[in-house]
N, C-alpha and C. Protein backbone atom coordinates (compact mmCIF):
# COMPACT_ATOMS: atom_id res chain seq x y z
N MET A 1 75.00 100.82 95.57
CA MET A 1 76.07 100.65 96.52
C MET A 1 75.87 99.31 97.21
N SER A 2 76.95 98.64 97.48
CA SER A 2 76.86 97.41 98.24
C SER A 2 78.01 97.34 99.23
N VAL A 3 77.83 96.53 100.22
CA VAL A 3 78.86 96.34 101.24
C VAL A 3 79.26 94.88 101.21
N ASP A 4 80.54 94.63 101.10
CA ASP A 4 81.05 93.28 101.09
C ASP A 4 82.36 93.27 101.85
N THR A 5 82.44 92.47 102.87
CA THR A 5 83.65 92.43 103.67
C THR A 5 84.52 91.23 103.32
N TYR A 6 84.05 90.32 102.50
CA TYR A 6 84.81 89.14 102.10
C TYR A 6 85.23 89.29 100.65
N LEU A 7 86.48 89.62 100.42
CA LEU A 7 86.95 89.93 99.06
C LEU A 7 87.84 88.85 98.47
N LYS A 8 88.11 87.77 99.20
CA LYS A 8 89.00 86.72 98.72
C LYS A 8 88.47 86.13 97.41
N GLY A 9 89.31 86.17 96.37
CA GLY A 9 88.94 85.61 95.08
C GLY A 9 88.08 86.50 94.22
N LYS A 10 87.76 87.70 94.67
CA LYS A 10 86.91 88.60 93.89
C LYS A 10 87.77 89.58 93.08
N ASN A 11 87.31 89.88 91.88
CA ASN A 11 88.01 90.82 91.01
C ASN A 11 87.62 92.24 91.41
N THR A 12 88.54 92.97 91.99
CA THR A 12 88.27 94.34 92.44
C THR A 12 89.05 95.36 91.62
N SER A 13 89.52 94.96 90.43
CA SER A 13 90.34 95.86 89.61
C SER A 13 89.55 97.04 89.07
N ASN A 14 88.23 96.98 89.02
CA ASN A 14 87.42 98.08 88.51
C ASN A 14 87.05 99.09 89.58
N TYR A 15 87.69 99.01 90.72
CA TYR A 15 87.37 99.91 91.83
C TYR A 15 88.58 100.72 92.22
N LYS A 16 88.34 101.98 92.56
CA LYS A 16 89.38 102.85 93.10
C LYS A 16 89.32 102.71 94.61
N ARG A 17 90.45 102.51 95.23
CA ARG A 17 90.51 102.36 96.68
C ARG A 17 90.81 103.70 97.33
N ILE A 18 89.97 104.09 98.24
CA ILE A 18 90.14 105.34 98.98
C ILE A 18 90.29 104.97 100.45
N HIS A 19 91.37 105.44 101.06
CA HIS A 19 91.64 105.10 102.46
C HIS A 19 91.28 106.30 103.33
N HIS A 20 90.53 106.05 104.38
CA HIS A 20 90.14 107.08 105.34
C HIS A 20 90.28 106.49 106.73
N GLU A 21 91.20 107.04 107.49
CA GLU A 21 91.51 106.54 108.83
C GLU A 21 91.75 105.03 108.76
N ASP A 22 90.94 104.22 109.41
CA ASP A 22 91.21 102.78 109.44
C ASP A 22 90.29 101.97 108.52
N ILE A 23 89.64 102.64 107.56
CA ILE A 23 88.77 101.90 106.64
C ILE A 23 89.21 102.14 105.19
N THR A 24 88.88 101.18 104.33
CA THR A 24 89.12 101.30 102.90
C THR A 24 87.78 101.30 102.20
N ILE A 25 87.56 102.31 101.36
CA ILE A 25 86.32 102.44 100.61
C ILE A 25 86.66 102.17 99.15
N MET A 26 85.89 101.28 98.54
CA MET A 26 86.10 100.97 97.13
C MET A 26 84.98 101.59 96.31
N VAL A 27 85.35 102.48 95.40
CA VAL A 27 84.39 103.20 94.57
C VAL A 27 84.61 102.78 93.12
N ALA A 28 83.52 102.47 92.42
CA ALA A 28 83.64 102.11 91.01
C ALA A 28 84.37 103.22 90.28
N GLN A 29 85.33 102.85 89.42
CA GLN A 29 86.15 103.85 88.74
C GLN A 29 85.33 104.81 87.91
N VAL A 30 84.28 104.32 87.24
CA VAL A 30 83.45 105.21 86.43
C VAL A 30 82.74 106.24 87.31
N LEU A 31 82.33 105.85 88.51
CA LEU A 31 81.71 106.80 89.43
C LEU A 31 82.74 107.81 89.92
N ALA A 32 83.94 107.36 90.23
CA ALA A 32 84.99 108.26 90.68
C ALA A 32 85.39 109.26 89.59
N GLN A 33 85.42 108.81 88.34
CA GLN A 33 85.82 109.68 87.23
C GLN A 33 84.78 110.74 86.92
N ASN A 34 83.50 110.45 87.15
CA ASN A 34 82.43 111.37 86.78
C ASN A 34 81.84 112.12 87.96
N SER A 35 82.52 112.07 89.09
CA SER A 35 82.03 112.76 90.29
C SER A 35 83.09 113.73 90.78
N SER A 36 82.63 114.89 91.24
CA SER A 36 83.56 115.82 91.84
C SER A 36 83.88 115.40 93.27
N LYS A 37 82.91 114.72 93.91
CA LYS A 37 83.15 114.15 95.23
C LYS A 37 82.06 113.12 95.53
N VAL A 38 82.41 112.18 96.38
CA VAL A 38 81.47 111.17 96.85
C VAL A 38 81.48 111.24 98.36
N GLU A 39 80.31 111.48 98.93
CA GLU A 39 80.18 111.57 100.38
C GLU A 39 79.53 110.31 100.93
N LEU A 40 80.01 109.83 102.05
CA LEU A 40 79.37 108.73 102.76
C LEU A 40 78.66 109.32 103.96
N VAL A 41 77.38 109.02 104.07
CA VAL A 41 76.54 109.60 105.13
C VAL A 41 75.84 108.46 105.85
N THR A 42 75.83 108.51 107.18
CA THR A 42 75.06 107.53 107.93
C THR A 42 73.71 108.15 108.25
N LYS A 43 72.68 107.36 108.08
CA LYS A 43 71.32 107.82 108.37
C LYS A 43 70.70 106.89 109.40
N LYS A 44 70.20 107.48 110.46
CA LYS A 44 69.55 106.68 111.50
C LYS A 44 68.07 106.54 111.18
N LYS A 45 67.60 105.33 111.23
CA LYS A 45 66.19 105.02 110.98
C LYS A 45 65.61 104.40 112.24
N LEU A 46 64.34 104.18 112.23
CA LEU A 46 63.67 103.56 113.36
C LEU A 46 64.21 102.16 113.65
N LEU A 47 64.54 101.42 112.59
CA LEU A 47 65.01 100.05 112.75
C LEU A 47 66.51 99.91 112.57
N GLY A 48 67.28 100.95 112.82
CA GLY A 48 68.73 100.87 112.72
C GLY A 48 69.31 101.98 111.86
N SER A 49 70.56 101.81 111.49
CA SER A 49 71.26 102.81 110.69
C SER A 49 71.61 102.25 109.33
N LYS A 50 71.86 103.13 108.38
CA LYS A 50 72.34 102.69 107.08
C LYS A 50 73.37 103.69 106.56
N LEU A 51 74.21 103.21 105.68
CA LEU A 51 75.25 104.02 105.07
C LEU A 51 74.82 104.35 103.65
N VAL A 52 74.85 105.63 103.29
CA VAL A 52 74.40 106.09 101.98
C VAL A 52 75.56 106.80 101.29
N ALA A 53 75.78 106.50 100.02
CA ALA A 53 76.78 107.20 99.22
C ALA A 53 76.08 108.25 98.38
N VAL A 54 76.57 109.48 98.45
CA VAL A 54 76.01 110.60 97.67
C VAL A 54 77.10 111.08 96.72
N ALA A 55 76.87 110.91 95.42
CA ALA A 55 77.84 111.32 94.41
C ALA A 55 77.45 112.68 93.86
N HIS A 56 78.42 113.57 93.74
CA HIS A 56 78.20 114.91 93.17
C HIS A 56 78.79 114.93 91.77
N HIS A 57 77.96 115.27 90.79
CA HIS A 57 78.33 115.29 89.37
C HIS A 57 79.49 116.24 89.11
N LYS A 58 80.45 115.79 88.31
CA LYS A 58 81.57 116.63 87.89
C LYS A 58 81.18 117.30 86.57
N HIS A 59 81.13 118.62 86.55
CA HIS A 59 80.76 119.36 85.35
C HIS A 59 81.95 119.46 84.41
N THR A 60 81.71 119.19 83.15
CA THR A 60 82.75 119.27 82.11
C THR A 60 82.19 120.06 80.93
N ALA A 61 83.03 120.27 79.93
CA ALA A 61 82.60 120.98 78.73
C ALA A 61 81.51 120.21 77.98
N ALA A 62 81.45 118.90 78.17
CA ALA A 62 80.46 118.08 77.48
C ALA A 62 79.08 118.10 78.15
N CYS A 63 78.98 118.72 79.33
CA CYS A 63 77.68 118.76 80.03
C CYS A 63 76.68 119.57 79.23
N ARG A 64 75.46 119.11 79.26
CA ARG A 64 74.38 119.82 78.55
C ARG A 64 73.26 120.14 79.52
N HIS A 65 73.62 120.86 80.59
CA HIS A 65 72.64 121.26 81.61
C HIS A 65 71.99 122.59 81.24
N ASP A 66 70.79 122.76 81.68
CA ASP A 66 70.12 124.06 81.50
C ASP A 66 70.33 124.91 82.71
């Protein structure tokens, strides 16, 4: 995951745009297609906070899980 606020001149066609309140989240299309959901979680650390993306696998007939 990366954070970039300057998008001028960048190719963002491989990202799905998800709008939530006043922010836009760009998720790689392959991640969006293979996930049942993607959660954004803030974690507080001793030296500040960070944003973590947690992707949940989408189960399909092709899955080979035990």
